[in-house]
Amino acid sequence: MNGPKLPITLRALLQRIDRALAKKDQCLKKTLSEQAVRELGEYYILDRNKMVALKDHVDPKALGKELGVLESYEEVKE
């Protein structure tokens, strides 16, 4: 079916991702400084126990699909 997709906000997607990652004691973080953006990208996954970045340069839309929290009939509107 190629009909119109249901729009969701980026904020809603980020909340869904955080709920899914929380089950593994992880969270998605947004970098704040320019230097951090160069090193980690705009978003990165943080291990809450060890306080280390597990994955850098994360695309929230791709991660949402990977985690199963962004459905094929949904589209992120920014």
C-alpha atoms as a PDB file:
ATOM      1  CA  MET A   1       0.000   0.000   0.000  1.00  0.00           C
ATOM      2  CA  ASN A   2       1.489   3.306  -1.086  1.00  0.00           C
ATOM      3  CA  GLY A   3      -1.016   5.654   0.544  1.00  0.00           C
ATOM      4  CA  PRO A   4      -0.152   8.622   2.697  1.00  0.00           C
ATOM      5  CA  LYS A   5       1.957   7.903   5.724  1.00  0.00           C
ATOM      6  CA  LEU A   6       1.005   8.765   9.270  1.00  0.00           C
ATOM      7  CA  PRO A   7       3.162  11.686  10.435  1.00  0.00           C
ATOM      8  CA  ILE A   8       4.962  11.532  13.782  1.00  0.00           C
ATOM      9  CA  THR A   9       7.295  14.090  15.299  1.00  0.00           C
ATOM     10  CA  LEU A  10      11.001  13.549  15.818  1.00  0.00           C
ATOM     11  CA  ARG A  11      10.408  14.039  19.530  1.00  0.00           C
ATOM     12  CA  ALA A  12       7.883  11.187  19.565  1.00  0.00           C
ATOM     13  CA  LEU A  13      10.348   8.941  17.744  1.00  0.00           C
ATOM     14  CA  LEU A  14      13.121   9.819  20.208  1.00  0.00           C
ATOM     15  CA  GLN A  15      10.845   8.933  23.124  1.00  0.00           C
ATOM     16  CA  ARG A  16       9.985   5.587  21.550  1.00  0.00           C
ATOM     17  CA  ILE A  17      13.672   4.857  20.997  1.00  0.00           C
ATOM     18  CA  ASP A  18      14.544   5.748  24.583  1.00  0.00           C
ATOM     19  CA  ARG A  19      11.852   3.415  25.930  1.00  0.00           C
ATOM     20  CA  ALA A  20      13.193   0.569  23.786  1.00  0.00           C
ATOM     21  CA  LEU A  21      16.829   1.237  24.724  1.00  0.00           C
ATOM     22  CA  ALA A  22      16.013   1.600  28.436  1.00  0.00           C
ATOM     23  CA  LYS A  23      15.336  -2.144  28.550  1.00  0.00           C
ATOM     24  CA  LYS A  24      19.070  -2.628  27.849  1.00  0.00           C
ATOM     25  CA  ASP A  25      20.232   0.190  30.203  1.00  0.00           C
ATOM     26  CA  GLN A  26      21.011   2.382  27.202  1.00  0.00           C
ATOM     27  CA  CYS A  27      19.740   5.729  25.963  1.00  0.00           C
ATOM     28  CA  LEU A  28      19.978   7.916  22.881  1.00  0.00           C
ATOM     29  CA  LYS A  29      21.718  11.214  23.499  1.00  0.00           C
ATOM     30  CA  LYS A  30      21.967  14.359  21.399  1.00  0.00           C
ATOM     31  CA  THR A  31      25.327  16.082  21.354  1.00  0.00           C
ATOM     32  CA  LEU A  32      25.463  19.728  22.311  1.00  0.00           C
ATOM     33  CA  SER A  33      28.874  21.095  21.324  1.00  0.00           C
ATOM     34  CA  GLU A  34      30.414  21.354  17.871  1.00  0.00           C
ATOM     35  CA  GLN A  35      33.378  19.249  18.946  1.00  0.00           C
ATOM     36  CA  ALA A  36      31.089  16.491  20.214  1.00  0.00           C
ATOM     37  CA  VAL A  37      29.145  16.560  16.946  1.00  0.00           C
ATOM     38  CA  ARG A  38      32.395  16.015  15.052  1.00  0.00           C
ATOM     39  CA  GLU A  39      33.383  13.101  17.299  1.00  0.00           C
ATOM     40  CA  LEU A  40      30.041  11.420  17.991  1.00  0.00           C
ATOM     41  CA  GLY A  41      27.646  12.810  15.400  1.00  0.00           C
ATOM     42  CA  GLU A  42      24.399  14.547  16.255  1.00  0.00           C
ATOM     43  CA  TYR A  43      23.077  11.480  18.127  1.00  0.00           C
ATOM     44  CA  TYR A  44      24.819   8.608  19.909  1.00  0.00           C
ATOM     45  CA  ILE A  45      23.850   5.638  22.083  1.00  0.00           C
ATOM     46  CA  LEU A  46      25.080   5.750  25.679  1.00  0.00           C
ATOM     47  CA  ASP A  47      25.495   2.771  28.019  1.00  0.00           C
ATOM     48  CA  ARG A  48      24.009   4.059  31.289  1.00  0.00           C
ATOM     49  CA  ASN A  49      26.005   1.666  33.496  1.00  0.00           C
ATOM     50  CA  LYS A  50      29.452   2.252  32.038  1.00  0.00           C
ATOM     51  CA  MET A  51      28.753   5.824  30.857  1.00  0.00           C
ATOM     52  CA  VAL A  52      30.418   5.164  27.501  1.00  0.00           C
ATOM     53  CA  ALA A  53      29.229   5.741  23.966  1.00  0.00           C
ATOM     54  CA  LEU A  54      28.326   2.393  22.416  1.00  0.00           C
ATOM     55  CA  LYS A  55      27.531   3.693  18.943  1.00  0.00           C
ATOM     56  CA  ASP A  56      28.176   7.081  17.390  1.00  0.00           C
ATOM     57  CA  HIS A  57      26.734   8.912  14.379  1.00  0.00           C
ATOM     58  CA  VAL A  58      23.294   7.360  14.915  1.00  0.00           C
ATOM     59  CA  ASP A  59      20.436   8.172  12.539  1.00  0.00           C
ATOM     60  CA  PRO A  60      17.261   8.189  14.691  1.00  0.00           C
ATOM     61  CA  LYS A  61      15.028   7.200  11.770  1.00  0.00           C
ATOM     62  CA  ALA A  62      17.173   4.197  10.868  1.00  0.00           C
ATOM     63  CA  LEU A  63      17.497   3.222  14.536  1.00  0.00           C
ATOM     64  CA  GLY A  64      13.738   3.494  14.983  1.00  0.00           C
ATOM     65  CA  LYS A  65      13.187   1.077  12.116  1.00  0.00           C
ATOM     66  CA  GLU A  66      15.902  -1.260  13.438  1.00  0.00           C
ATOM     67  CA  LEU A  67      14.316  -1.318  16.910  1.00  0.00           C
ATOM     68  CA  GLY A  68      10.823  -1.743  15.466  1.00  0.00           C
ATOM     69  CA  VAL A  69       9.470   1.484  16.968  1.00  0.00           C
ATOM     70  CA  LEU A  70       9.005   3.269  13.615  1.00  0.00           C
ATOM     71  CA  GLU A  71       6.423   1.467  11.513  1.00  0.00           C
ATOM     72  CA  SER A  72       6.479   1.331   7.709  1.00  0.00           C
ATOM     73  CA  TYR A  73       3.247   3.367   7.574  1.00  0.00           C
ATOM     74  CA  GLU A  74       4.774   6.194   9.656  1.00  0.00           C
ATOM     75  CA  GLU A  75       6.894   9.137   8.542  1.00  0.00           C
ATOM     76  CA  VAL A  76       8.915  11.520  10.715  1.00  0.00           C
ATOM     77  CA  LYS A  77       7.935  15.151  10.196  1.00  0.00           C
ATOM     78  CA  GLU A  78      10.429  17.648  11.546  1.00  0.00           C
END
